[in-house]
Amino acid sequence: MRLLALVIMVPALACSTDESNDPEVDGGAVEGLVPANSAALFDYLTAGEYLEYEAESEVHVSAGPHGSGVRTFLTPDLAASLAAGASEHPVGAAAIKELYAADHTTVTGWAAMVKIAEGTAGSSWYFYEVFSTTNGSNPIEGNGRSLCTGCHSSGADFVRVGYPLL
């Protein structure tokens, strides 16, 4: 009887999913892309891991509440989705916005949004903003945060940046 139980359990365990990268489970990262939790995301941003992504050519005045100047970077899957004119972006897609001081040279923080679930509701996005490049302990963050979705709802699946990037 014990052998039978073991035979049944081993395949079940082998087929179980690894939820360590499921942002809805533990606030982790969507596999291979931008982290969807504040501590890991701040480390990711300060390391400049997003700098390889497609980006706006220069800093410009923010159209929203993100500071004096901004520059947006897009993960490859978000850039492809925007280029295709998709009405829903893929899970794992992300946009990162560098926030600048009035001199448009000094980075003073970041805003990011990471698609964490299928669908076009605000809750399918993790939003994050921090106004420091040295201390990530007090970000504005959350899944579907109303402070963010109120403005971003005017974009295609909450993404407001124009494409192609200028």
C-alpha atoms as a PDB file:
ATOM      1  CA  MET A   1       0.000   0.000   0.000  1.00  0.00           C
ATOM      2  CA  ARG A   2       2.846   2.423   0.825  1.00  0.00           C
ATOM      3  CA  LEU A   3       4.508   1.661  -2.488  1.00  0.00           C
ATOM      4  CA  LEU A   4       1.266   2.408  -4.322  1.00  0.00           C
ATOM      5  CA  ALA A   5       0.965   5.768  -2.528  1.00  0.00           C
ATOM      6  CA  LEU A   6       4.560   6.624  -3.460  1.00  0.00           C
ATOM      7  CA  VAL A   7       3.974   5.654  -7.091  1.00  0.00           C
ATOM      8  CA  ILE A   8       0.942   7.959  -7.201  1.00  0.00           C
ATOM      9  CA  MET A   9       2.647  10.873  -5.402  1.00  0.00           C
ATOM     10  CA  VAL A  10       5.921  10.973  -7.380  1.00  0.00           C
ATOM     11  CA  PRO A  11       4.295  11.793 -10.744  1.00  0.00           C
ATOM     12  CA  ALA A  12       2.060  14.357  -9.052  1.00  0.00           C
ATOM     13  CA  LEU A  13       5.076  16.077  -7.517  1.00  0.00           C
ATOM     14  CA  ALA A  14       6.952  15.983 -10.811  1.00  0.00           C
ATOM     15  CA  CYS A  15       4.030  17.742 -12.499  1.00  0.00           C
ATOM     16  CA  SER A  16       3.583  20.407  -9.857  1.00  0.00           C
ATOM     17  CA  THR A  17       4.298  23.925 -10.974  1.00  0.00           C
ATOM     18  CA  ASP A  18       7.074  26.036  -9.553  1.00  0.00           C
ATOM     19  CA  GLU A  19       5.250  29.079  -8.221  1.00  0.00           C
ATOM     20  CA  SER A  20       8.412  30.881  -7.090  1.00  0.00           C
ATOM     21  CA  ASN A  21       8.258  33.125 -10.157  1.00  0.00           C
ATOM     22  CA  ASP A  22       4.513  33.739 -10.021  1.00  0.00           C
ATOM     23  CA  PRO A  23       4.004  37.384  -8.981  1.00  0.00           C
ATOM     24  CA  GLU A  24       0.491  36.656  -7.785  1.00  0.00           C
ATOM     25  CA  VAL A  25       1.851  34.020  -5.408  1.00  0.00           C
ATOM     26  CA  ASP A  26       4.876  35.706  -3.878  1.00  0.00           C
ATOM     27  CA  GLY A  27       5.530  39.001  -5.653  1.00  0.00           C
ATOM     28  CA  GLY A  28       8.400  37.400  -7.604  1.00  0.00           C
ATOM     29  CA  ALA A  29       9.498  38.054 -11.138  1.00  0.00           C
ATOM     30  CA  VAL A  30       7.822  36.849 -14.268  1.00  0.00           C
ATOM     31  CA  GLU A  31      10.417  34.449 -15.668  1.00  0.00           C
ATOM     32  CA  GLY A  32      13.363  36.216 -17.271  1.00  0.00           C
ATOM     33  CA  LEU A  33      12.050  39.731 -17.112  1.00  0.00           C
ATOM     34  CA  VAL A  34      11.421  42.580 -14.694  1.00  0.00           C
ATOM     35  CA  PRO A  35      10.782  41.706 -11.017  1.00  0.00           C
ATOM     36  CA  ALA A  36       7.299  42.448  -9.693  1.00  0.00           C
ATOM     37  CA  ASN A  37       8.145  43.136  -6.052  1.00  0.00           C
ATOM     38  CA  SER A  38       9.697  46.227  -4.532  1.00  0.00           C
ATOM     39  CA  ALA A  39      12.975  44.876  -3.094  1.00  0.00           C
ATOM     40  CA  ALA A  40      13.963  42.886  -6.175  1.00  0.00           C
ATOM     41  CA  LEU A  41      12.787  45.628  -8.526  1.00  0.00           C
ATOM     42  CA  PHE A  42      14.796  48.325  -6.763  1.00  0.00           C
ATOM     43  CA  ASP A  43      17.926  46.148  -7.017  1.00  0.00           C
ATOM     44  CA  TYR A  44      17.161  45.492 -10.696  1.00  0.00           C
ATOM     45  CA  LEU A  45      16.764  49.211 -11.388  1.00  0.00           C
ATOM     46  CA  THR A  46      19.852  50.351  -9.501  1.00  0.00           C
ATOM     47  CA  ALA A  47      21.906  47.714 -11.350  1.00  0.00           C
ATOM     48  CA  GLY A  48      20.703  49.252 -14.640  1.00  0.00           C
ATOM     49  CA  GLU A  49      19.524  45.910 -15.992  1.00  0.00           C
ATOM     50  CA  TYR A  50      16.838  47.645 -18.053  1.00  0.00           C
ATOM     51  CA  LEU A  51      19.320  49.829 -19.958  1.00  0.00           C
ATOM     52  CA  GLU A  52      19.600  47.283 -22.794  1.00  0.00           C
ATOM     53  CA  TYR A  53      15.907  47.649 -23.688  1.00  0.00           C
ATOM     54  CA  GLU A  54      14.489  49.825 -26.435  1.00  0.00           C
ATOM     55  CA  ALA A  55      14.249  53.390 -25.120  1.00  0.00           C
ATOM     56  CA  GLU A  56      13.111  56.876 -25.950  1.00  0.00           C
ATOM     57  CA  SER A  57      15.978  58.757 -27.590  1.00  0.00           C
ATOM     58  CA  GLU A  58      16.090  61.511 -24.979  1.00  0.00           C
ATOM     59  CA  VAL A  59      14.695  62.798 -21.717  1.00  0.00           C
ATOM     60  CA  HIS A  60      11.523  64.864 -22.116  1.00  0.00           C
ATOM     61  CA  VAL A  61       8.992  66.667 -19.947  1.00  0.00           C
ATOM     62  CA  SER A  62       6.659  64.206 -18.239  1.00  0.00           C
ATOM     63  CA  ALA A  63       3.049  64.148 -19.430  1.00  0.00           C
ATOM     64  CA  GLY A  64       2.039  62.896 -15.978  1.00  0.00           C
ATOM     65  CA  PRO A  65       3.014  63.177 -12.338  1.00  0.00           C
ATOM     66  CA  HIS A  66       6.407  61.492 -12.724  1.00  0.00           C
ATOM     67  CA  GLY A  67       8.656  64.489 -12.190  1.00  0.00           C
ATOM     68  CA  SER A  68      10.395  67.104 -14.310  1.00  0.00           C
ATOM     69  CA  GLY A  69      11.753  64.808 -16.983  1.00  0.00           C
ATOM     70  CA  VAL A  70      11.343  61.171 -17.981  1.00  0.00           C
ATOM     71  CA  ARG A  71      12.751  58.560 -20.348  1.00  0.00           C
ATOM     72  CA  THR A  72      10.903  55.286 -20.984  1.00  0.00           C
ATOM     73  CA  PHE A  73      12.374  51.832 -21.663  1.00  0.00           C
ATOM     74  CA  LEU A  74      10.338  48.858 -22.951  1.00  0.00           C
ATOM     75  CA  THR A  75      10.987  45.157 -22.575  1.00  0.00           C
ATOM     76  CA  PRO A  76      11.212  43.422 -25.963  1.00  0.00           C
ATOM     77  CA  ASP A  77       7.825  41.732 -25.525  1.00  0.00           C
ATOM     78  CA  LEU A  78       6.104  45.029 -24.721  1.00  0.00           C
ATOM     79  CA  ALA A  79       7.789  46.757 -27.672  1.00  0.00           C
ATOM     80  CA  ALA A  80       6.632  43.924 -29.978  1.00  0.00           C
ATOM     81  CA  SER A  81       3.107  44.082 -28.566  1.00  0.00           C
ATOM     82  CA  LEU A  82       2.921  47.847 -29.076  1.00  0.00           C
ATOM     83  CA  ALA A  83       4.352  47.512 -32.597  1.00  0.00           C
ATOM     84  CA  ALA A  84       1.628  44.961 -33.398  1.00  0.00           C
ATOM     85  CA  GLY A  85      -1.060  47.310 -32.064  1.00  0.00           C
ATOM     86  CA  ALA A  86      -2.200  44.725 -29.515  1.00  0.00           C
ATOM     87  CA  SER A  87      -5.115  45.616 -27.257  1.00  0.00           C
ATOM     88  CA  GLU A  88      -3.735  43.319 -24.536  1.00  0.00           C
ATOM     89  CA  HIS A  89      -0.047  42.974 -23.706  1.00  0.00           C
ATOM     90  CA  PRO A  90       1.614  39.694 -22.693  1.00  0.00           C
ATOM     91  CA  VAL A  91       2.267  38.664 -19.117  1.00  0.00           C
ATOM     92  CA  GLY A  92       5.830  39.682 -18.269  1.00  0.00           C
ATOM     93  CA  ALA A  93       5.787  42.799 -20.445  1.00  0.00           C
ATOM     94  CA  ALA A  94       7.139  45.862 -18.661  1.00  0.00           C
ATOM     95  CA  ALA A  95       7.846  49.550 -19.054  1.00  0.00           C
ATOM     96  CA  ILE A  96      10.429  51.375 -16.976  1.00  0.00           C
ATOM     97  CA  LYS A  97      10.540  55.122 -16.721  1.00  0.00           C
ATOM     98  CA  GLU A  98      13.628  56.929 -15.483  1.00  0.00           C
ATOM     99  CA  LEU A  99      12.649  60.017 -13.500  1.00  0.00           C
ATOM    100  CA  TYR A 100      14.888  63.074 -13.844  1.00  0.00           C
ATOM    101  CA  ALA A 101      15.611  66.271 -11.964  1.00  0.00           C
ATOM    102  CA  ALA A 102      14.906  69.631 -13.611  1.00  0.00           C
ATOM    103  CA  ASP A 103      18.360  69.498 -15.261  1.00  0.00           C
ATOM    104  CA  HIS A 104      17.160  66.458 -17.309  1.00  0.00           C
ATOM    105  CA  THR A 105      20.533  64.849 -16.566  1.00  0.00           C
ATOM    106  CA  THR A 106      20.253  63.519 -13.008  1.00  0.00           C
ATOM    107  CA  VAL A 107      18.164  60.373 -12.483  1.00  0.00           C
ATOM    108  CA  THR A 108      16.147  60.823  -9.279  1.00  0.00           C
ATOM    109  CA  GLY A 109      14.111  57.589  -9.313  1.00  0.00           C
ATOM    110  CA  TRP A 110      12.036  55.230 -11.411  1.00  0.00           C
ATOM    111  CA  ALA A 111       8.496  54.270 -12.242  1.00  0.00           C
ATOM    112  CA  ALA A 112       7.763  50.796 -13.581  1.00  0.00           C
ATOM    113  CA  MET A 113       4.801  48.710 -14.579  1.00  0.00           C
ATOM    114  CA  VAL A 114       4.929  44.942 -15.022  1.00  0.00           C
ATOM    115  CA  LYS A 115       2.128  42.867 -16.548  1.00  0.00           C
ATOM    116  CA  ILE A 116       1.479  40.128 -13.965  1.00  0.00           C
ATOM    117  CA  ALA A 117      -1.724  38.487 -15.231  1.00  0.00           C
ATOM    118  CA  GLU A 118      -3.759  38.046 -18.377  1.00  0.00           C
ATOM    119  CA  GLY A 119      -6.579  40.461 -19.025  1.00  0.00           C
ATOM    120  CA  THR A 120      -7.001  44.170 -19.488  1.00  0.00           C
ATOM    121  CA  ALA A 121      -7.990  45.166 -15.959  1.00  0.00           C
ATOM    122  CA  GLY A 122      -5.763  47.449 -13.934  1.00  0.00           C
ATOM    123  CA  SER A 123      -5.199  44.598 -11.501  1.00  0.00           C
ATOM    124  CA  SER A 124      -3.276  42.743 -14.230  1.00  0.00           C
ATOM    125  CA  TRP A 125      -0.422  45.223 -13.728  1.00  0.00           C
ATOM    126  CA  TYR A 126       2.024  45.757 -10.862  1.00  0.00           C
ATOM    127  CA  PHE A 127       2.849  49.466 -10.559  1.00  0.00           C
ATOM    128  CA  TYR A 128       5.924  50.850  -8.791  1.00  0.00           C
ATOM    129  CA  GLU A 129       7.435  54.294  -8.288  1.00  0.00           C
ATOM    130  CA  VAL A 130      10.320  55.404  -6.122  1.00  0.00           C
ATOM    131  CA  PHE A 131      11.797  58.894  -5.844  1.00  0.00           C
ATOM    132  CA  SER A 132      15.311  57.846  -4.864  1.00  0.00           C
ATOM    133  CA  THR A 133      18.218  56.057  -6.504  1.00  0.00           C
ATOM    134  CA  THR A 134      19.776  55.022  -3.181  1.00  0.00           C
ATOM    135  CA  ASN A 135      16.855  54.057  -0.947  1.00  0.00           C
ATOM    136  CA  GLY A 136      14.064  51.825  -2.162  1.00  0.00           C
ATOM    137  CA  SER A 137      12.385  51.381   1.211  1.00  0.00           C
ATOM    138  CA  ASN A 138       9.374  53.624   0.606  1.00  0.00           C
ATOM    139  CA  PRO A 139       7.989  53.082  -2.901  1.00  0.00           C
ATOM    140  CA  ILE A 140       4.499  53.719  -4.153  1.00  0.00           C
ATOM    141  CA  GLU A 141       3.497  50.278  -5.381  1.00  0.00           C
ATOM    142  CA  GLY A 142       0.770  47.730  -5.832  1.00  0.00           C
ATOM    143  CA  ASN A 143      -1.206  45.550  -8.192  1.00  0.00           C
ATOM    144  CA  GLY A 144      -3.799  47.697  -9.943  1.00  0.00           C
ATOM    145  CA  ARG A 145      -3.024  50.656  -7.686  1.00  0.00           C
ATOM    146  CA  SER A 146      -5.781  53.219  -8.279  1.00  0.00           C
ATOM    147  CA  LEU A 147      -3.331  56.121  -8.121  1.00  0.00           C
ATOM    148  CA  CYS A 148      -1.697  54.634 -11.228  1.00  0.00           C
ATOM    149  CA  THR A 149      -4.637  53.062 -13.044  1.00  0.00           C
ATOM    150  CA  GLY A 150      -6.611  56.300 -12.912  1.00  0.00           C
ATOM    151  CA  CYS A 151      -4.174  57.881 -15.340  1.00  0.00           C
ATOM    152  CA  HIS A 152      -2.962  54.776 -17.187  1.00  0.00           C
ATOM    153  CA  SER A 153      -6.485  53.590 -18.028  1.00  0.00           C
ATOM    154  CA  SER A 154      -6.381  55.896 -21.070  1.00  0.00           C
ATOM    155  CA  GLY A 155      -3.643  53.753 -22.623  1.00  0.00           C
ATOM    156  CA  ALA A 156      -3.921  50.506 -24.566  1.00  0.00           C
ATOM    157  CA  ASP A 157      -3.986  47.923 -21.753  1.00  0.00           C
ATOM    158  CA  PHE A 158      -2.747  50.679 -19.408  1.00  0.00           C
ATOM    159  CA  VAL A 159       0.362  51.532 -21.474  1.00  0.00           C
ATOM    160  CA  ARG A 160       0.408  55.204 -22.386  1.00  0.00           C
ATOM    161  CA  VAL A 161       3.724  55.584 -24.171  1.00  0.00           C
ATOM    162  CA  GLY A 162       3.476  56.143 -27.920  1.00  0.00           C
ATOM    163  CA  TYR A 163       5.064  53.659 -30.275  1.00  0.00           C
ATOM    164  CA  PRO A 164       7.408  53.720 -32.033  1.00  0.00           C
ATOM    165  CA  LEU A 165       9.365  55.446 -29.306  1.00  0.00           C
ATOM    166  CA  LEU A 166      10.693  58.865 -30.265  1.00  0.00           C
END
